[in-house]
Amino acid sequence: MIVVMKIDASEGNGEAIFSRLSALGLRGQKVVGVQRQVIAVLGQVFPELRDELSTMDGVDEVIRISKPYKLASREVHEQDTVIQLSHGVKVGGGHPVVMAGPCAIETEEQLYASARGVRAAGAHILRGGAFKPRSSPYSFQGLGVPGLKLLRACGDELGMPVITELLSVRDVNAVAEYSDILQIGARNMQNFVLLEEAGKTGKPVLLKRGMGATIEEWLLAAEYILSQGNPNVMLCERGIRTFETATRNTLDLNAVAVAKRLSHLPVISDPSHGTGHWYLVRPLSLASMAVGADGLEIEVHPQPDHALSDGAQSLTPANFAQLMAEVGSLCNAIGRPLAAPQPALA
């Protein structure tokens, strides 16, 4: 349930509610909206609590929330969440952004070639994997912390926020130190300990949907991050596993539209993993924008044929530039223009 405070409620009124909840073994979390302030009640509530809280000073009304994911629900937070990043980049709020770069950071030369290409084409956020989850233990696993340092240096030089995947609790501090956004991959969507630790950093978190997860399970996973007092969560649809073998995964565009309806959190689409084929990234990127995605995450490599990870689904910088022009035109046509690109480098 949520406690909706009166406009003229005092700070002491709110503190009294938090104190009462704590005495009952419950937890309250303040959610500040444009038109109202509410306190989300977290924990196993009993029916009589609604009546008790309704009588407390400063309370306008107490509303029972029907969804199991409280903090991620639009019932608690009606307005779209907008996440502020470095270099003036915002995720959410009606102007889609594009995250692009190599699946895995292989060398400094490869990273900078990718980064300069995507920045010149208008990408807003630089992606690059330093820790890579691979199906085979013998495949390239990433450069680790040296890769994080390269990514940070490259992002700073080009004036772009950076995003990279967080695989394990042991790497939380290192990834949080060097990355603007922590990415939780599909395999870790229900690694609840990792979700909580990521939430505690306060850093923005991009949460990818598990390959066999329902939309409700995806939103409940986001709840683990939000429940740590971290409101900066983005959802990412990256394709689910179905019977189809023509593509790597099945990019579920239904999920983008449904998640936008159910939740206030920004929703990103990943057509690279969603299809597994570079030539399908373009049509699925356009379709993602058409159904309301707040952004795209796209893999770009200067030499996809020589990539150590996911070369088949990576665009070249030239192909990415062409895609950005088409995505920009579509977004203008539907009244949701892309966020302004980063200023040109001196």
Protein backbone atom coordinates (compact mmCIF):
# COMPACT_ATOMS: atom_id res chain seq x y z
CA MET A 1 0.00 0.00 0.00
CA ILE A 2 0.99 3.64 -0.30
CA VAL A 3 0.38 6.56 2.01
CA VAL A 4 -0.46 9.74 0.10
CA MET A 5 0.55 12.81 2.09
CA LYS A 6 -1.34 16.10 2.13
CA ILE A 7 0.23 19.02 0.30
CA ASP A 8 0.80 20.86 3.58
CA ALA A 9 2.07 17.82 5.52
CA SER A 10 5.09 18.57 7.69
CA GLU A 11 8.37 16.68 7.84
CA GLY A 12 7.36 15.53 11.33
CA ASN A 13 4.18 13.96 9.94
CA GLY A 14 6.26 11.82 7.62
CA GLU A 15 8.71 10.88 10.35
CA ALA A 16 5.83 9.70 12.53
CA ILE A 17 4.65 7.36 9.77
CA PHE A 18 8.13 5.95 9.25
CA SER A 19 8.43 5.40 13.01
CA ARG A 20 5.12 3.57 13.19
CA LEU A 21 5.99 1.34 10.25
CA SER A 22 9.34 0.48 11.81
CA ALA A 23 7.61 -0.48 15.07
CA LEU A 24 5.43 -2.89 13.10
CA GLY A 25 8.41 -4.51 11.38
CA LEU A 26 7.64 -2.76 8.08
CA ARG A 27 9.67 -0.34 6.00
CA GLY A 28 8.64 2.90 4.35
CA GLN A 29 10.21 4.46 1.28
CA LYS A 30 9.50 8.02 0.18
CA VAL A 31 8.53 8.51 -3.45
CA VAL A 32 8.54 12.14 -4.58
CA GLY A 33 6.32 12.91 -7.55
CA VAL A 34 5.49 16.08 -9.45
CA GLN A 35 2.06 16.52 -7.86
CA ARG A 36 2.26 14.53 -4.65
CA GLN A 37 4.54 12.83 -2.15
CA VAL A 38 3.82 9.29 -1.09
CA ILE A 39 5.31 6.75 1.26
CA ALA A 40 5.42 3.22 -0.08
CA VAL A 41 4.87 0.61 2.64
CA LEU A 42 7.18 -2.37 2.09
CA GLY A 43 6.62 -5.69 3.79
CA GLN A 44 3.72 -7.96 4.73
CA VAL A 45 0.89 -5.59 5.62
CA PHE A 46 -2.32 -6.46 7.50
CA PRO A 47 -5.78 -5.14 6.52
CA GLU A 48 -6.24 -2.97 9.63
CA LEU A 49 -3.08 -0.98 8.87
CA ARG A 50 -4.87 1.02 6.22
CA ASP A 51 -7.39 2.36 8.72
CA GLU A 52 -4.70 3.12 11.29
CA LEU A 53 -2.48 5.07 8.90
CA SER A 54 -5.46 6.98 7.50
CA THR A 55 -5.99 8.66 10.87
CA MET A 56 -2.43 9.92 11.26
CA ASP A 57 -1.63 13.63 10.89
CA GLY A 58 -0.67 14.79 7.41
CA VAL A 59 -2.17 11.77 5.61
CA ASP A 60 -4.51 12.46 2.70
CA GLU A 61 -5.36 8.84 1.84
CA VAL A 62 -4.01 5.30 2.00
CA ILE A 63 -4.25 3.26 -1.18
CA ARG A 64 -3.87 -0.47 -1.53
CA ILE A 65 -1.53 -1.41 -4.40
CA SER A 66 -2.70 -4.36 -6.46
CA LYS A 67 0.63 -5.09 -8.14
CA PRO A 68 3.25 -7.21 -6.35
CA TYR A 69 5.95 -4.85 -7.65
CA LYS A 70 5.18 -1.76 -5.58
CA LEU A 71 7.96 0.70 -6.33
CA ALA A 72 8.15 -0.12 -10.05
CA SER A 73 4.41 0.33 -10.53
CA ARG A 74 2.67 3.36 -12.01
CA GLU A 75 0.21 3.07 -9.12
CA VAL A 76 2.96 4.44 -6.88
CA HIS A 77 4.72 6.71 -9.39
CA GLU A 78 2.48 8.00 -12.17
CA GLN A 79 5.02 10.11 -14.05
CA ASP A 80 7.81 8.62 -16.15
CA THR A 81 11.10 8.37 -14.31
CA VAL A 82 13.90 10.41 -15.86
CA ILE A 83 17.46 9.35 -15.02
CA GLN A 84 20.15 12.02 -15.10
CA LEU A 85 23.63 10.92 -16.22
CA SER A 86 26.92 12.75 -16.68
CA HIS A 87 27.54 15.08 -19.64
CA GLY A 88 23.91 16.20 -19.58
CA VAL A 89 22.48 12.91 -20.83
CA LYS A 90 19.00 11.93 -19.61
CA VAL A 91 17.26 8.58 -20.01
CA GLY A 92 13.46 8.76 -20.11
CA GLY A 93 11.19 11.72 -20.51
CA GLY A 94 10.23 11.41 -24.17
CA HIS A 95 13.56 11.86 -25.99
CA PRO A 96 15.09 8.42 -26.71
CA VAL A 97 18.82 7.81 -26.32
CA VAL A 98 21.17 5.33 -27.97
CA MET A 99 23.82 3.29 -26.18
CA ALA A 100 26.40 1.82 -28.54
CA GLY A 101 29.85 0.30 -28.64
CA PRO A 102 31.57 -3.08 -28.71
CA CYS A 103 30.14 -6.14 -26.98
CA ALA A 104 33.56 -6.77 -25.44
CA ILE A 105 36.52 -4.45 -24.95
CA GLU A 106 39.38 -6.26 -26.67
CA THR A 107 42.11 -3.65 -27.14
CA GLU A 108 42.49 0.09 -26.69
CA GLU A 109 42.58 0.57 -30.47
CA GLN A 110 39.40 -1.45 -31.01
CA LEU A 111 37.54 0.40 -28.24
CA TYR A 112 38.50 3.87 -29.47
CA ALA A 113 37.69 3.02 -33.09
CA SER A 114 34.22 1.88 -32.03
CA ALA A 115 33.70 4.78 -29.63
CA ARG A 116 34.71 7.51 -32.06
CA GLY A 117 32.47 5.98 -34.71
CA VAL A 118 29.36 5.79 -32.54
CA ARG A 119 29.90 9.26 -31.09
CA ALA A 120 30.28 10.81 -34.53
CA ALA A 121 27.03 9.13 -35.57
CA GLY A 122 25.14 10.61 -32.61
CA ALA A 123 25.18 7.94 -29.90
CA HIS A 124 24.68 9.30 -26.39
CA ILE A 125 26.18 6.56 -24.17
CA LEU A 126 29.22 4.35 -24.75
CA ARG A 127 28.82 0.66 -24.03
CA GLY A 128 31.60 -1.87 -23.68
CA GLY A 129 31.99 -5.15 -21.81
CA ALA A 130 34.92 -5.66 -19.42
CA PHE A 131 33.45 -8.77 -17.77
CA LYS A 132 31.75 -11.12 -20.23
CA PRO A 133 29.41 -14.00 -19.32
CA ARG A 134 30.05 -16.75 -21.87
CA SER A 135 28.35 -20.09 -22.35
CA SER A 136 31.74 -21.77 -22.73
CA PRO A 137 34.43 -21.37 -20.05
CA TYR A 138 37.01 -21.37 -22.86
CA SER A 139 35.62 -18.30 -24.65
CA PHE A 140 36.99 -14.79 -24.16
CA GLN A 141 35.83 -13.56 -20.74
CA GLY A 142 36.83 -9.90 -21.06
CA LEU A 143 39.75 -7.80 -19.83
CA GLY A 144 38.35 -7.22 -16.34
CA VAL A 145 39.47 -4.14 -14.40
CA PRO A 146 41.97 -3.01 -17.09
CA GLY A 147 39.02 -3.00 -19.48
CA LEU A 148 37.00 -0.89 -17.05
CA LYS A 149 39.82 1.65 -16.88
CA LEU A 150 40.03 1.83 -20.68
CA LEU A 151 36.27 2.35 -20.92
CA ARG A 152 36.31 5.12 -18.32
CA ALA A 153 39.20 6.90 -20.00
CA CYS A 154 37.57 6.64 -23.41
CA GLY A 155 34.23 7.93 -22.11
CA ASP A 156 35.89 10.87 -20.39
CA GLU A 157 37.91 11.79 -23.47
CA LEU A 158 34.88 11.67 -25.75
CA GLY A 159 32.46 13.23 -23.27
CA MET A 160 30.12 10.24 -23.00
CA PRO A 161 28.63 8.38 -20.02
CA VAL A 162 29.58 4.68 -20.07
CA ILE A 163 27.75 1.45 -19.34
CA THR A 164 29.21 -1.98 -18.66
CA GLU A 165 27.97 -5.30 -17.32
CA LEU A 166 28.25 -6.33 -13.68
CA LEU A 167 28.61 -10.11 -13.30
CA SER A 168 29.33 -10.75 -9.66
CA VAL A 169 29.05 -9.30 -6.17
CA ARG A 170 32.84 -9.39 -5.97
CA ASP A 171 33.06 -6.83 -8.80
CA VAL A 172 30.42 -4.35 -7.57
CA ASN A 173 32.86 -1.78 -6.17
CA ALA A 174 35.15 -1.84 -9.20
CA VAL A 175 32.34 -1.54 -11.75
CA ALA A 176 30.60 1.19 -9.71
CA GLU A 177 33.88 3.14 -9.54
CA TYR A 178 34.45 3.24 -13.29
CA SER A 179 31.00 3.01 -14.89
CA ASP A 180 28.10 5.49 -14.97
CA ILE A 181 25.54 2.68 -15.45
CA LEU A 182 25.70 -0.86 -14.07
CA GLN A 183 24.23 -3.40 -16.47
CA ILE A 184 22.69 -6.59 -15.07
CA GLY A 185 22.56 -9.23 -17.80
CA ALA A 186 19.80 -11.69 -18.60
CA ARG A 187 21.55 -14.56 -16.82
CA ASN A 188 21.66 -12.53 -13.59
CA MET A 189 18.16 -11.05 -13.68
CA GLN A 190 17.13 -13.17 -10.70
CA ASN A 191 20.45 -13.07 -8.87
CA PHE A 192 18.74 -11.26 -6.02
CA VAL A 193 21.85 -10.72 -3.91
CA LEU A 194 23.58 -9.07 -6.87
CA LEU A 195 20.50 -6.91 -7.54
CA GLU A 196 20.48 -5.67 -3.96
CA GLU A 197 24.20 -4.90 -3.98
CA ALA A 198 23.86 -3.03 -7.27
CA GLY A 199 20.99 -1.06 -5.79
CA LYS A 200 23.04 -0.07 -2.75
CA THR A 201 25.62 1.68 -4.94
CA GLY A 202 23.07 4.35 -5.88
CA LYS A 203 24.34 4.16 -9.47
CA PRO A 204 21.86 3.85 -12.36
CA VAL A 205 21.19 0.21 -13.19
CA LEU A 206 20.08 -1.25 -16.52
CA LEU A 207 18.27 -4.53 -15.87
CA LYS A 208 17.98 -6.94 -18.78
CA ARG A 209 15.01 -9.30 -18.95
CA GLY A 210 15.87 -12.96 -18.43
CA MET A 211 15.52 -15.14 -21.51
CA GLY A 212 12.67 -17.11 -19.90
CA ALA A 213 11.27 -14.46 -17.56
CA THR A 214 7.72 -13.14 -17.54
CA ILE A 215 7.17 -9.39 -17.50
CA GLU A 216 6.02 -9.60 -13.88
CA GLU A 217 9.19 -11.47 -12.88
CA TRP A 218 11.23 -8.80 -14.67
CA LEU A 219 9.49 -6.00 -12.77
CA LEU A 220 9.86 -7.86 -9.48
CA ALA A 221 13.58 -8.14 -10.16
CA ALA A 222 13.67 -4.36 -10.63
CA GLU A 223 11.90 -4.09 -7.27
CA TYR A 224 14.95 -5.59 -5.55
CA ILE A 225 17.07 -2.69 -6.81
CA LEU A 226 14.44 -0.05 -6.09
CA SER A 227 13.89 -1.38 -2.56
CA GLN A 228 17.47 -0.41 -1.70
CA GLY A 229 16.53 3.24 -2.07
CA ASN A 230 17.89 3.48 -5.62
CA PRO A 231 15.27 4.97 -7.99
CA ASN A 232 17.57 4.95 -11.04
CA VAL A 233 16.56 1.74 -12.77
CA MET A 234 16.12 1.10 -16.49
CA LEU A 235 14.50 -2.00 -17.95
CA CYS A 236 15.97 -3.64 -21.05
CA GLU A 237 14.17 -6.06 -23.36
CA ARG A 238 16.87 -8.17 -25.05
CA GLY A 239 14.92 -11.07 -26.50
CA ILE A 240 13.47 -14.22 -24.99
CA ARG A 241 14.10 -17.87 -25.82
CA THR A 242 11.39 -19.46 -27.96
CA PHE A 243 11.11 -22.37 -30.38
CA GLU A 244 12.37 -20.17 -33.25
CA THR A 245 15.86 -20.96 -34.60
CA ALA A 246 16.10 -18.38 -37.39
CA THR A 247 17.17 -15.76 -34.86
CA ARG A 248 19.32 -15.92 -31.74
CA ASN A 249 16.39 -14.81 -29.56
CA THR A 250 12.90 -13.44 -30.13
CA LEU A 251 12.82 -9.70 -29.43
CA ASP A 252 9.53 -9.24 -27.56
CA LEU A 253 8.25 -5.83 -28.59
CA ASN A 254 5.03 -6.61 -26.72
CA ALA A 255 7.11 -6.43 -23.55
CA VAL A 256 8.33 -2.92 -24.36
CA ALA A 257 4.78 -1.62 -24.73
CA VAL A 258 3.46 -3.55 -21.72
CA ALA A 259 6.33 -2.48 -19.45
CA LYS A 260 5.78 1.15 -20.44
CA ARG A 261 2.12 0.80 -19.42
CA LEU A 262 2.74 -0.99 -16.12
CA SER A 263 5.87 0.81 -14.95
CA HIS A 264 7.27 4.33 -14.79
CA LEU A 265 10.82 3.08 -15.40
CA PRO A 266 12.56 3.80 -18.74
CA VAL A 267 12.51 0.84 -21.14
CA ILE A 268 15.46 0.17 -23.46
CA SER A 269 15.44 -2.26 -26.40
CA ASP A 270 18.45 -4.38 -27.39
CA PRO A 271 17.95 -5.50 -31.00
CA SER A 272 21.51 -6.85 -31.21
CA HIS A 273 20.95 -9.65 -28.69
CA GLY A 274 17.27 -9.77 -29.59
CA THR A 275 18.02 -11.00 -33.11
CA GLY A 276 21.65 -12.13 -33.21
CA HIS A 277 22.07 -10.91 -36.80
CA TRP A 278 23.46 -7.50 -37.75
CA TYR A 279 21.10 -7.17 -40.74
CA LEU A 280 18.06 -7.46 -38.43
CA VAL A 281 19.23 -4.74 -36.05
CA ARG A 282 17.94 -1.97 -38.32
CA PRO A 283 14.28 -3.10 -38.69
CA LEU A 284 13.99 -4.07 -35.02
CA SER A 285 15.52 -0.76 -33.92
CA LEU A 286 12.91 1.12 -35.91
CA ALA A 287 10.13 -1.11 -34.58
CA SER A 288 11.35 -0.58 -31.01
CA MET A 289 11.12 3.18 -31.41
CA ALA A 290 7.64 2.85 -32.91
CA VAL A 291 6.29 0.94 -29.89
CA GLY A 292 7.65 3.48 -27.40
CA ALA A 293 11.12 2.38 -26.28
CA ASP A 294 13.08 5.04 -24.39
CA GLY A 295 16.30 4.01 -26.09
CA LEU A 296 18.36 1.39 -27.86
CA GLU A 297 21.46 -0.59 -26.94
CA ILE A 298 23.41 -1.59 -30.03
CA GLU A 299 26.69 -3.43 -30.56
CA VAL A 300 29.24 -1.82 -32.88
CA HIS A 301 32.67 -3.17 -33.82
CA PRO A 302 35.21 -1.80 -36.34
CA GLN A 303 35.85 -5.34 -37.65
CA PRO A 304 32.91 -7.62 -36.75
CA ASP A 305 34.46 -10.57 -38.59
CA HIS A 306 37.36 -10.49 -36.11
CA ALA A 307 35.35 -9.78 -32.96
CA LEU A 308 36.06 -11.97 -29.94
CA SER A 309 32.41 -11.80 -28.88
CA ASP A 310 29.12 -11.49 -30.80
CA GLY A 311 30.58 -10.39 -34.12
CA ALA A 312 27.58 -11.72 -36.06
CA GLN A 313 25.25 -9.20 -34.44
CA SER A 314 27.60 -6.21 -34.45
CA LEU A 315 27.26 -3.29 -36.85
CA THR A 316 30.22 -1.55 -38.41
CA PRO A 317 30.55 2.16 -37.59
CA ALA A 318 29.37 2.96 -41.14
CA ASN A 319 26.25 0.79 -40.80
CA PHE A 320 25.59 2.31 -37.39
CA ALA A 321 25.75 5.84 -38.82
CA GLN A 322 23.18 4.89 -41.45
CA LEU A 323 20.96 3.36 -38.76
CA MET A 324 21.15 6.49 -36.61
CA ALA A 325 19.98 8.64 -39.53
CA GLU A 326 16.96 6.39 -40.08
CA VAL A 327 16.12 6.13 -36.38
CA GLY A 328 16.36 9.91 -36.09
CA SER A 329 13.97 10.40 -39.00
CA LEU A 330 11.44 7.95 -37.57
CA CYS A 331 11.58 9.49 -34.10
CA ASN A 332 10.96 12.93 -35.59
CA ALA A 333 8.01 11.60 -37.56
CA ILE A 334 6.30 10.12 -34.48
CA GLY A 335 6.89 13.18 -32.32
CA ARG A 336 9.56 11.67 -30.07
CA PRO A 337 12.83 13.14 -31.41
CA LEU A 338 16.08 11.62 -30.25
CA ALA A 339 17.87 13.38 -27.41
CA ALA A 340 20.32 15.97 -28.68
CA PRO A 341 23.70 14.46 -29.59
CA GLN A 342 26.82 15.31 -27.65
CA PRO A 343 28.60 18.51 -28.79
CA ALA A 344 31.26 18.07 -31.42
CA LEU A 345 34.76 17.43 -30.11
CA ALA A 346 37.21 20.30 -30.31
